[in-house]
Amino acid sequence: MPFGMMPGMQYEERAVTLECGDNVLFYSDGLVEAHHTRRERFGFPHPMALLQEHPGDPGLIEHVLNELARLSGSGWEQEDDVTLRRADATQAQQGQESVTVNVERL
């Protein structure tokens, strides 16, 4: 189910081929727009770095939330929802042409 979509907006649909072992992290804009008391944003580099640092880690969402809490600090006031989903492509059974995607959501 899509999240973060606005009525009346146009969205581009794309297909992506995942290889066995690939991981995908879906997140809402509330993650990258979160900022700490100095008004610096969490931004796109942090989720990308965490994906590279923890490939295939079932605790990826926890790592992202911990990094968000660390960078935001105790004075952070959440202004938008933060929605995260992780998907992992697992090996197809012999004779199958597709892989199963396991999705973890928060």
PDB file of N, CA and C in Angstrom:
ATOM      1  N   MET A   1       0.845  -1.177   0.000  1.00  0.00           N
ATOM      2  CA  MET A   1       0.000   0.000   0.000  1.00  0.00           C
ATOM      3  C   MET A   1       0.890   1.240   0.000  1.00  0.00           C
ATOM      4  N   PRO A   2       0.642   2.182  -0.894  1.00  0.00           N
ATOM      5  CA  PRO A   2       1.439   3.402  -0.937  1.00  0.00           C
ATOM      6  C   PRO A   2       1.249   4.244   0.317  1.00  0.00           C
ATOM      7  N   PHE A   3       2.283   4.959   0.702  1.00  0.00           N
ATOM      8  CA  PHE A   3       2.150   5.906   1.799  1.00  0.00           C
ATOM      9  C   PHE A   3       2.753   7.227   1.370  1.00  0.00           C
ATOM     10  N   GLY A   4       2.258   8.295   1.968  1.00  0.00           N
ATOM     11  CA  GLY A   4       2.780   9.615   1.668  1.00  0.00           C
ATOM     12  C   GLY A   4       2.299  10.191   0.349  1.00  0.00           C
ATOM     13  N   MET A   5       1.241   9.629  -0.218  1.00  0.00           N
ATOM     14  CA  MET A   5       0.744  10.140  -1.493  1.00  0.00           C
ATOM     15  C   MET A   5      -0.315  11.202  -1.230  1.00  0.00           C
ATOM     16  N   MET A   6      -0.323  12.217  -2.075  1.00  0.00           N
ATOM     17  CA  MET A   6      -1.262  13.322  -1.932  1.00  0.00           C
ATOM     18  C   MET A   6      -2.295  13.249  -3.055  1.00  0.00           C
ATOM     19  N   PRO A   7      -3.575  13.489  -2.729  1.00  0.00           N
ATOM     20  CA  PRO A   7      -4.610  13.484  -3.762  1.00  0.00           C
ATOM     21  C   PRO A   7      -4.327  14.558  -4.815  1.00  0.00           C
ATOM     22  N   GLY A   8      -4.601  14.225  -6.068  1.00  0.00           N
ATOM     23  CA  GLY A   8      -4.440  15.187  -7.147  1.00  0.00           C
ATOM     24  C   GLY A   8      -3.026  15.315  -7.686  1.00  0.00           C
ATOM     25  N   MET A   9      -2.064  14.684  -7.061  1.00  0.00           N
ATOM     26  CA  MET A   9      -0.671  14.747  -7.525  1.00  0.00           C
ATOM     27  C   MET A   9      -0.427  13.628  -8.538  1.00  0.00           C
ATOM     28  N   GLN A  10       0.487  13.855  -9.451  1.00  0.00           N
ATOM     29  CA  GLN A  10       0.862  12.827 -10.412  1.00  0.00           C
ATOM     30  C   GLN A  10       2.161  12.181  -9.949  1.00  0.00           C
ATOM     31  N   TYR A  11       2.205  10.867 -10.030  1.00  0.00           N
ATOM     32  CA  TYR A  11       3.381  10.122  -9.602  1.00  0.00           C
ATOM     33  C   TYR A  11       3.841   9.220 -10.735  1.00  0.00           C
ATOM     34  N   GLU A  12       5.126   9.069 -10.827  1.00  0.00           N
ATOM     35  CA  GLU A  12       5.716   8.224 -11.853  1.00  0.00           C
ATOM     36  C   GLU A  12       5.868   6.810 -11.302  1.00  0.00           C
ATOM     37  N   GLU A  13       5.469   5.834 -12.087  1.00  0.00           N
ATOM     38  CA  GLU A  13       5.603   4.434 -11.685  1.00  0.00           C
ATOM     39  C   GLU A  13       6.817   3.843 -12.378  1.00  0.00           C
ATOM     40  N   ARG A  14       7.614   3.104 -11.622  1.00  0.00           N
ATOM     41  CA  ARG A  14       8.808   2.468 -12.179  1.00  0.00           C
ATOM     42  C   ARG A  14       8.901   1.039 -11.670  1.00  0.00           C
ATOM     43  N   ALA A  15       9.506   0.201 -12.470  1.00  0.00           N
ATOM     44  CA  ALA A  15       9.769  -1.181 -12.063  1.00  0.00           C
ATOM     45  C   ALA A  15      11.255  -1.308 -11.765  1.00  0.00           C
ATOM     46  N   VAL A  16      11.563  -2.052 -10.718  1.00  0.00           N
ATOM     47  CA  VAL A  16      12.948  -2.277 -10.317  1.00  0.00           C
ATOM     48  C   VAL A  16      13.145  -3.775 -10.167  1.00  0.00           C
ATOM     49  N   THR A  17      14.206  -4.288 -10.734  1.00  0.00           N
ATOM     50  CA  THR A  17      14.528  -5.700 -10.583  1.00  0.00           C
ATOM     51  C   THR A  17      15.483  -5.854  -9.413  1.00  0.00           C
ATOM     52  N   LEU A  18      15.074  -6.645  -8.433  1.00  0.00           N
ATOM     53  CA  LEU A  18      15.912  -6.894  -7.265  1.00  0.00           C
ATOM     54  C   LEU A  18      16.623  -8.224  -7.427  1.00  0.00           C
ATOM     55  N   GLU A  19      17.869  -8.245  -7.068  1.00  0.00           N
ATOM     56  CA  GLU A  19      18.637  -9.483  -7.039  1.00  0.00           C
ATOM     57  C   GLU A  19      18.506 -10.097  -5.650  1.00  0.00           C
ATOM     58  N   CYS A  20      18.719 -11.389  -5.571  1.00  0.00           N
ATOM     59  CA  CYS A  20      18.670 -12.076  -4.288  1.00  0.00           C
ATOM     60  C   CYS A  20      19.625 -11.383  -3.313  1.00  0.00           C
ATOM     61  N   GLY A  21      19.118 -11.048  -2.147  1.00  0.00           N
ATOM     62  CA  GLY A  21      19.930 -10.390  -1.127  1.00  0.00           C
ATOM     63  C   GLY A  21      19.840  -8.879  -1.145  1.00  0.00           C
ATOM     64  N   ASP A  22      19.193  -8.295  -2.171  1.00  0.00           N
ATOM     65  CA  ASP A  22      19.038  -6.841  -2.221  1.00  0.00           C
ATOM     66  C   ASP A  22      18.091  -6.379  -1.126  1.00  0.00           C
ATOM     67  N   ASN A  23      18.323  -5.178  -0.640  1.00  0.00           N
ATOM     68  CA  ASN A  23      17.489  -4.564   0.386  1.00  0.00           C
ATOM     69  C   ASN A  23      16.992  -3.216  -0.116  1.00  0.00           C
ATOM     70  N   VAL A  24      15.767  -2.880   0.259  1.00  0.00           N
ATOM     71  CA  VAL A  24      15.193  -1.591  -0.102  1.00  0.00           C
ATOM     72  C   VAL A  24      14.631  -0.969   1.169  1.00  0.00           C
ATOM     73  N   LEU A  25      14.899   0.316   1.364  1.00  0.00           N
ATOM     74  CA  LEU A  25      14.337   1.049   2.493  1.00  0.00           C
ATOM     75  C   LEU A  25      13.414   2.119   1.931  1.00  0.00           C
ATOM     76  N   PHE A  26      12.133   2.031   2.280  1.00  0.00           N
ATOM     77  CA  PHE A  26      11.153   3.039   1.898  1.00  0.00           C
ATOM     78  C   PHE A  26      10.940   3.932   3.109  1.00  0.00           C
ATOM     79  N   TYR A  27      10.887   5.235   2.883  1.00  0.00           N
ATOM     80  CA  TYR A  27      10.665   6.137   4.008  1.00  0.00           C
ATOM     81  C   TYR A  27       9.903   7.366   3.549  1.00  0.00           C
ATOM     82  N   SER A  28       9.181   7.962   4.484  1.00  0.00           N
ATOM     83  CA  SER A  28       8.422   9.170   4.183  1.00  0.00           C
ATOM     84  C   SER A  28       9.327  10.391   4.338  1.00  0.00           C
ATOM     85  N   ASP A  29       8.844  11.515   3.845  1.00  0.00           N
ATOM     86  CA  ASP A  29       9.634  12.742   3.911  1.00  0.00           C
ATOM     87  C   ASP A  29       9.882  13.209   5.339  1.00  0.00           C
ATOM     88  N   GLY A  30       9.087  12.714   6.286  1.00  0.00           N
ATOM     89  CA  GLY A  30       9.298  13.089   7.684  1.00  0.00           C
ATOM     90  C   GLY A  30      10.666  12.682   8.197  1.00  0.00           C
ATOM     91  N   LEU A  31      11.252  11.633   7.612  1.00  0.00           N
ATOM     92  CA  LEU A  31      12.588  11.199   8.033  1.00  0.00           C
ATOM     93  C   LEU A  31      13.645  12.185   7.559  1.00  0.00           C
ATOM     94  N   VAL A  32      13.685  12.469   6.274  1.00  0.00           N
ATOM     95  CA  VAL A  32      14.751  13.318   5.733  1.00  0.00           C
ATOM     96  C   VAL A  32      14.571  14.791   6.082  1.00  0.00           C
ATOM     97  N   GLU A  33      13.343  15.192   6.426  1.00  0.00           N
ATOM     98  CA  GLU A  33      13.101  16.581   6.802  1.00  0.00           C
ATOM     99  C   GLU A  33      13.233  16.823   8.300  1.00  0.00           C
ATOM    100  N   ALA A  34      13.402  15.763   9.077  1.00  0.00           N
ATOM    101  CA  ALA A  34      13.590  15.926  10.525  1.00  0.00           C
ATOM    102  C   ALA A  34      14.876  16.710  10.761  1.00  0.00           C
ATOM    103  N   HIS A  35      14.867  17.556  11.765  1.00  0.00           N
ATOM    104  CA  HIS A  35      16.044  18.379  12.037  1.00  0.00           C
ATOM    105  C   HIS A  35      16.265  18.485  13.536  1.00  0.00           C
ATOM    106  N   HIS A  36      17.464  18.880  13.906  1.00  0.00           N
ATOM    107  CA  HIS A  36      17.760  19.062  15.319  1.00  0.00           C
ATOM    108  C   HIS A  36      17.667  20.540  15.663  1.00  0.00           C
ATOM    109  N   THR A  37      18.000  20.862  16.880  1.00  0.00           N
ATOM    110  CA  THR A  37      17.807  22.218  17.390  1.00  0.00           C
ATOM    111  C   THR A  37      18.571  23.268  16.589  1.00  0.00           C
ATOM    112  N   ARG A  38      19.647  22.890  15.884  1.00  0.00           N
ATOM    113  CA  ARG A  38      20.385  23.852  15.047  1.00  0.00           C
ATOM    114  C   ARG A  38      19.765  23.949  13.655  1.00  0.00           C
ATOM    115  N   ARG A  39      18.619  23.313  13.452  1.00  0.00           N
ATOM    116  CA  ARG A  39      17.833  23.358  12.217  1.00  0.00           C
ATOM    117  C   ARG A  39      18.489  22.635  11.046  1.00  0.00           C
ATOM    118  N   GLU A  40      19.516  21.830  11.292  1.00  0.00           N
ATOM    119  CA  GLU A  40      20.116  21.036  10.226  1.00  0.00           C
ATOM    120  C   GLU A  40      19.262  19.792  10.021  1.00  0.00           C
ATOM    121  N   ARG A  41      18.984  19.461   8.772  1.00  0.00           N
ATOM    122  CA  ARG A  41      18.114  18.327   8.460  1.00  0.00           C
ATOM    123  C   ARG A  41      18.859  16.996   8.509  1.00  0.00           C
ATOM    124  N   PHE A  42      18.095  15.942   8.799  1.00  0.00           N
ATOM    125  CA  PHE A  42      18.618  14.577   8.752  1.00  0.00           C
ATOM    126  C   PHE A  42      19.088  14.271   7.336  1.00  0.00           C
ATOM    127  N   GLY A  43      18.308  14.649   6.335  1.00  0.00           N
ATOM    128  CA  GLY A  43      18.705  14.564   4.936  1.00  0.00           C
ATOM    129  C   GLY A  43      18.754  13.161   4.355  1.00  0.00           C
ATOM    130  N   PHE A  44      19.140  13.082   3.098  1.00  0.00           N
ATOM    131  CA  PHE A  44      19.227  11.819   2.376  1.00  0.00           C
ATOM    132  C   PHE A  44      20.504  11.032   2.652  1.00  0.00           C
ATOM    133  N   PRO A  45      21.631  11.670   2.949  1.00  0.00           N
ATOM    134  CA  PRO A  45      22.869  10.898   3.140  1.00  0.00           C
ATOM    135  C   PRO A  45      22.814   9.889   4.288  1.00  0.00           C
ATOM    136  N   HIS A  46      22.122  10.201   5.369  1.00  0.00           N
ATOM    137  CA  HIS A  46      22.097   9.283   6.514  1.00  0.00           C
ATOM    138  C   HIS A  46      21.426   7.948   6.192  1.00  0.00           C
ATOM    139  N   PRO A  47      20.223   7.929   5.598  1.00  0.00           N
ATOM    140  CA  PRO A  47      19.638   6.626   5.248  1.00  0.00           C
ATOM    141  C   PRO A  47      20.510   5.848   4.259  1.00  0.00           C
ATOM    142  N   MET A  48      21.100   6.539   3.288  1.00  0.00           N
ATOM    143  CA  MET A  48      21.960   5.866   2.308  1.00  0.00           C
ATOM    144  C   MET A  48      23.180   5.248   2.993  1.00  0.00           C
ATOM    145  N   ALA A  49      23.799   5.994   3.884  1.00  0.00           N
ATOM    146  CA  ALA A  49      24.980   5.488   4.596  1.00  0.00           C
ATOM    147  C   ALA A  49      24.620   4.290   5.462  1.00  0.00           C
ATOM    148  N   LEU A  50      23.460   4.341   6.113  1.00  0.00           N
ATOM    149  CA  LEU A  50      23.044   3.232   6.975  1.00  0.00           C
ATOM    150  C   LEU A  50      22.740   1.979   6.157  1.00  0.00           C
ATOM    151  N   LEU A  51      22.171   2.137   4.968  1.00  0.00           N
ATOM    152  CA  LEU A  51      21.940   0.987   4.083  1.00  0.00           C
ATOM    153  C   LEU A  51      23.262   0.336   3.691  1.00  0.00           C
ATOM    154  N   GLN A  52      24.260   1.146   3.406  1.00  0.00           N
ATOM    155  CA  GLN A  52      25.571   0.614   3.022  1.00  0.00           C
ATOM    156  C   GLN A  52      26.308   0.017   4.216  1.00  0.00           C
ATOM    157  N   GLU A  53      26.106   0.604   5.384  1.00  0.00           N
ATOM    158  CA  GLU A  53      26.785   0.144   6.598  1.00  0.00           C
ATOM    159  C   GLU A  53      26.187  -1.149   7.143  1.00  0.00           C
ATOM    160  N   HIS A  54      24.879  -1.347   6.947  1.00  0.00           N
ATOM    161  CA  HIS A  54      24.176  -2.505   7.519  1.00  0.00           C
ATOM    162  C   HIS A  54      23.410  -3.278   6.443  1.00  0.00           C
ATOM    163  N   PRO A  55      24.069  -3.731   5.371  1.00  0.00           N
ATOM    164  CA  PRO A  55      23.332  -4.440   4.317  1.00  0.00           C
ATOM    165  C   PRO A  55      22.747  -5.755   4.830  1.00  0.00           C
ATOM    166  N   GLY A  56      21.467  -5.952   4.571  1.00  0.00           N
ATOM    167  CA  GLY A  56      20.816  -7.196   4.975  1.00  0.00           C
ATOM    168  C   GLY A  56      20.533  -7.317   6.455  1.00  0.00           C
ATOM    169  N   ASP A  57      20.840  -6.295   7.231  1.00  0.00           N
ATOM    170  CA  ASP A  57      20.636  -6.340   8.686  1.00  0.00           C
ATOM    171  C   ASP A  57      19.146  -6.242   8.999  1.00  0.00           C
ATOM    172  N   PRO A  58      18.577  -7.243   9.688  1.00  0.00           N
ATOM    173  CA  PRO A  58      17.157  -7.180  10.041  1.00  0.00           C
ATOM    174  C   PRO A  58      16.835  -6.012  10.971  1.00  0.00           C
ATOM    175  N   GLY A  59      17.842  -5.441  11.612  1.00  0.00           N
ATOM    176  CA  GLY A  59      17.630  -4.314  12.520  1.00  0.00           C
ATOM    177  C   GLY A  59      17.845  -2.964  11.862  1.00  0.00           C
ATOM    178  N   LEU A  60      17.775  -2.905  10.515  1.00  0.00           N
ATOM    179  CA  LEU A  60      18.044  -1.659   9.800  1.00  0.00           C
ATOM    180  C   LEU A  60      17.147  -0.517  10.266  1.00  0.00           C
ATOM    181  N   ILE A  61      15.858  -0.778  10.413  1.00  0.00           N
ATOM    182  CA  ILE A  61      14.941   0.287  10.834  1.00  0.00           C
ATOM    183  C   ILE A  61      15.335   0.805  12.206  1.00  0.00           C
ATOM    184  N   GLU A  62      15.725  -0.085  13.099  1.00  0.00           N
ATOM    185  CA  GLU A  62      16.175   0.341  14.428  1.00  0.00           C
ATOM    186  C   GLU A  62      17.430   1.215  14.317  1.00  0.00           C
ATOM    187  N   HIS A  63      18.363   0.847  13.434  1.00  0.00           N
ATOM    188  CA  HIS A  63      19.569   1.665  13.229  1.00  0.00           C
ATOM    189  C   HIS A  63      19.193   3.065  12.738  1.00  0.00           C
ATOM    190  N   VAL A  64      18.248   3.140  11.806  1.00  0.00           N
ATOM    191  CA  VAL A  64      17.816   4.437  11.275  1.00  0.00           C
ATOM    192  C   VAL A  64      17.191   5.278  12.382  1.00  0.00           C
ATOM    193  N   LEU A  65      16.309   4.677  13.168  1.00  0.00           N
ATOM    194  CA  LEU A  65      15.659   5.424  14.248  1.00  0.00           C
ATOM    195  C   LEU A  65      16.658   5.858  15.315  1.00  0.00           C
ATOM    196  N   ASN A  66      17.634   5.011  15.619  1.00  0.00           N
ATOM    197  CA  ASN A  66      18.666   5.387  16.594  1.00  0.00           C
ATOM    198  C   ASN A  66      19.503   6.555  16.078  1.00  0.00           C
ATOM    199  N   GLU A  67      19.851   6.524  14.794  1.00  0.00           N
ATOM    200  CA  GLU A  67      20.630   7.621  14.200  1.00  0.00           C
ATOM    201  C   GLU A  67      19.813   8.905  14.182  1.00  0.00           C
ATOM    202  N   LEU A  68      18.519   8.787  13.877  1.00  0.00           N
ATOM    203  CA  LEU A  68      17.641   9.955  13.901  1.00  0.00           C
ATOM    204  C   LEU A  68      17.595  10.551  15.302  1.00  0.00           C
ATOM    205  N   ALA A  69      17.437   9.709  16.317  1.00  0.00           N
ATOM    206  CA  ALA A  69      17.393  10.187  17.703  1.00  0.00           C
ATOM    207  C   ALA A  69      18.724  10.817  18.107  1.00  0.00           C
ATOM    208  N   ARG A  70      19.832  10.201  17.688  1.00  0.00           N
ATOM    209  CA  ARG A  70      21.154  10.719  18.047  1.00  0.00           C
ATOM    210  C   ARG A  70      21.386  12.100  17.431  1.00  0.00           C
ATOM    211  N   LEU A  71      21.061  12.243  16.150  1.00  0.00           N
ATOM    212  CA  LEU A  71      21.309  13.513  15.470  1.00  0.00           C
ATOM    213  C   LEU A  71      20.296  14.589  15.840  1.00  0.00           C
ATOM    214  N   SER A  72      19.082  14.188  16.156  1.00  0.00           N
ATOM    215  CA  SER A  72      18.040  15.163  16.480  1.00  0.00           C
ATOM    216  C   SER A  72      18.212  15.728  17.878  1.00  0.00           C
ATOM    217  N   GLY A  73      18.724  14.921  18.780  1.00  0.00           N
ATOM    218  CA  GLY A  73      18.934  15.389  20.149  1.00  0.00           C
ATOM    219  C   GLY A  73      17.653  15.409  20.951  1.00  0.00           C
ATOM    220  N   SER A  74      17.799  15.712  22.212  1.00  0.00           N
ATOM    221  CA  SER A  74      16.658  15.662  23.136  1.00  0.00           C
ATOM    222  C   SER A  74      15.674  16.801  22.917  1.00  0.00           C
ATOM    223  N   GLY A  75      16.089  17.885  22.265  1.00  0.00           N
ATOM    224  CA  GLY A  75      15.203  19.023  22.053  1.00  0.00           C
ATOM    225  C   GLY A  75      14.392  18.940  20.776  1.00  0.00           C
ATOM    226  N   TRP A  76      14.456  17.795  20.081  1.00  0.00           N
ATOM    227  CA  TRP A  76      13.773  17.654  18.803  1.00  0.00           C
ATOM    228  C   TRP A  76      12.274  17.556  18.988  1.00  0.00           C
ATOM    229  N   GLU A  77      11.545  18.351  18.222  1.00  0.00           N
ATOM    230  CA  GLU A  77      10.090  18.253  18.191  1.00  0.00           C
ATOM    231  C   GLU A  77       9.696  17.711  16.827  1.00  0.00           C
ATOM    232  N   GLN A  78       9.039  16.566  16.840  1.00  0.00           N
ATOM    233  CA  GLN A  78       8.631  15.928  15.589  1.00  0.00           C
ATOM    234  C   GLN A  78       7.536  16.752  14.936  1.00  0.00           C
ATOM    235  N   GLU A  79       7.779  17.182  13.689  1.00  0.00           N
ATOM    236  CA  GLU A  79       6.817  18.014  12.970  1.00  0.00           C
ATOM    237  C   GLU A  79       6.021  17.233  11.928  1.00  0.00           C
ATOM    238  N   ASP A  80       6.506  16.052  11.560  1.00  0.00           N
ATOM    239  CA  ASP A  80       5.862  15.258  10.516  1.00  0.00           C
ATOM    240  C   ASP A  80       6.000  13.785  10.888  1.00  0.00           C
ATOM    241  N   ASP A  81       5.136  12.955  10.329  1.00  0.00           N
ATOM    242  CA  ASP A  81       5.243  11.528  10.613  1.00  0.00           C
ATOM    243  C   ASP A  81       6.520  10.974   9.990  1.00  0.00           C
ATOM    244  N   VAL A  82       7.055   9.943  10.611  1.00  0.00           N
ATOM    245  CA  VAL A  82       8.213   9.228  10.081  1.00  0.00           C
ATOM    246  C   VAL A  82       7.759   7.796   9.841  1.00  0.00           C
ATOM    247  N   THR A  83       7.638   7.422   8.579  1.00  0.00           N
ATOM    248  CA  THR A  83       7.194   6.087   8.205  1.00  0.00           C
ATOM    249  C   THR A  83       8.344   5.367   7.523  1.00  0.00           C
ATOM    250  N   LEU A  84       8.618   4.148   7.971  1.00  0.00           N
ATOM    251  CA  LEU A  84       9.719   3.357   7.424  1.00  0.00           C
ATOM    252  C   LEU A  84       9.225   1.967   7.059  1.00  0.00           C
ATOM    253  N   ARG A  85       9.724   1.446   5.941  1.00  0.00           N
ATOM    254  CA  ARG A  85       9.486   0.056   5.536  1.00  0.00           C
ATOM    255  C   ARG A  85      10.767  -0.473   4.926  1.00  0.00           C
ATOM    256  N   ARG A  86      11.074  -1.711   5.244  1.00  0.00           N
ATOM    257  CA  ARG A  86      12.257  -2.359   4.679  1.00  0.00           C
ATOM    258  C   ARG A  86      11.805  -3.600   3.928  1.00  0.00           C
ATOM    259  N   ALA A  87      12.381  -3.846   2.760  1.00  0.00           N
ATOM    260  CA  ALA A  87      12.063  -5.044   1.990  1.00  0.00           C
ATOM    261  C   ALA A  87      13.360  -5.735   1.607  1.00  0.00           C
ATOM    262  N   ASP A  88      13.369  -7.055   1.726  1.00  0.00           N
ATOM    263  CA  ASP A  88      14.527  -7.875   1.363  1.00  0.00           C
ATOM    264  C   ASP A  88      14.098  -8.876   0.303  1.00  0.00           C
ATOM    265  N   ALA A  89      14.885  -9.017  -0.739  1.00  0.00           N
ATOM    266  CA  ALA A  89      14.624 -10.030  -1.767  1.00  0.00           C
ATOM    267  C   ALA A  89      15.344 -11.308  -1.357  1.00  0.00           C
ATOM    268  N   THR A  90      14.600 -12.401  -1.291  1.00  0.00           N
ATOM    269  CA  THR A  90      15.189 -13.687  -0.920  1.00  0.00           C
ATOM    270  C   THR A  90      15.244 -14.587  -2.145  1.00  0.00           C
ATOM    271  N   GLN A  91      15.991 -15.641  -2.057  1.00  0.00           N
ATOM    272  CA  GLN A  91      16.210 -16.533  -3.199  1.00  0.00           C
ATOM    273  C   GLN A  91      14.916 -17.222  -3.626  1.00  0.00           C
ATOM    274  N   ALA A  92      14.712 -17.304  -4.940  1.00  0.00           N
ATOM    275  CA  ALA A  92      13.551 -18.007  -5.489  1.00  0.00           C
ATOM    276  C   ALA A  92      13.760 -19.512  -5.357  1.00  0.00           C
ATOM    277  N   GLN A  93      12.668 -20.244  -5.186  1.00  0.00           N
ATOM    278  CA  GLN A  93      12.716 -21.704  -5.170  1.00  0.00           C
ATOM    279  C   GLN A  93      13.044 -22.190  -6.583  1.00  0.00           C
ATOM    280  N   GLN A  94      13.624 -23.359  -6.687  1.00  0.00           N
ATOM    281  CA  GLN A  94      13.954 -23.905  -7.999  1.00  0.00           C
ATOM    282  C   GLN A  94      12.685 -24.002  -8.845  1.00  0.00           C
ATOM    283  N   GLY A  95      12.757 -23.523 -10.077  1.00  0.00           N
ATOM    284  CA  GLY A  95      11.614 -23.557 -10.977  1.00  0.00           C
ATOM    285  C   GLY A  95      10.772 -22.291 -10.932  1.00  0.00           C
ATOM    286  N   GLN A  96      10.969 -21.437  -9.938  1.00  0.00           N
ATOM    287  CA  GLN A  96      10.233 -20.178  -9.869  1.00  0.00           C
ATOM    288  C   GLN A  96      10.990 -19.116 -10.649  1.00  0.00           C
ATOM    289  N   GLU A  97      10.237 -18.201 -11.242  1.00  0.00           N
ATOM    290  CA  GLU A  97      10.865 -17.125 -11.998  1.00  0.00           C
ATOM    291  C   GLU A  97      10.909 -15.826 -11.214  1.00  0.00           C
ATOM    292  N   SER A  98      10.400 -15.828 -10.010  1.00  0.00           N
ATOM    293  CA  SER A  98      10.380 -14.592  -9.228  1.00  0.00           C
ATOM    294  C   SER A  98      10.931 -14.859  -7.837  1.00  0.00           C
ATOM    295  N   VAL A  99      11.198 -13.794  -7.134  1.00  0.00           N
ATOM    296  CA  VAL A  99      11.672 -13.917  -5.760  1.00  0.00           C
ATOM    297  C   VAL A  99      10.597 -13.411  -4.817  1.00  0.00           C
ATOM    298  N   THR A 100      10.687 -13.832  -3.586  1.00  0.00           N
ATOM    299  CA  THR A 100       9.785 -13.362  -2.551  1.00  0.00           C
ATOM    300  C   THR A 100      10.390 -12.123  -1.919  1.00  0.00           C
ATOM    301  N   VAL A 101       9.581 -11.117  -1.691  1.00  0.00           N
ATOM    302  CA  VAL A 101      10.056  -9.914  -1.017  1.00  0.00           C
ATOM    303  C   VAL A 101       9.447  -9.894   0.372  1.00  0.00           C
ATOM    304  N   ASN A 102      10.298  -9.949   1.383  1.00  0.00           N
ATOM    305  CA  ASN A 102       9.851  -9.864   2.770  1.00  0.00           C
ATOM    306  C   ASN A 102       9.849  -8.405   3.179  1.00  0.00           C
ATOM    307  N   VAL A 103       8.735  -7.934   3.722  1.00  0.00           N
ATOM    308  CA  VAL A 103       8.610  -6.527   4.082  1.00  0.00           C
ATOM    309  C   VAL A 103       8.468  -6.396   5.584  1.00  0.00           C
ATOM    310  N   GLU A 104       9.291  -5.536   6.164  1.00  0.00           N
ATOM    311  CA  GLU A 104       9.188  -5.194   7.586  1.00  0.00           C
ATOM    312  C   GLU A 104       8.666  -3.775   7.644  1.00  0.00           C
ATOM    313  N   ARG A 105       7.694  -3.525   8.479  1.00  0.00           N
ATOM    314  CA  ARG A 105       7.196  -2.159   8.585  1.00  0.00           C
ATOM    315  C   ARG A 105       7.142  -1.742  10.038  1.00  0.00           C
ATOM    316  N   LEU A 106       7.123  -0.465  10.226  1.00  0.00           N
ATOM    317  CA  LEU A 106       7.093   0.115  11.565  1.00  0.00           C
ATOM    318  C   LEU A 106       5.818   0.885  11.715  1.00  0.00           C
TER     319      LEU A 106
END
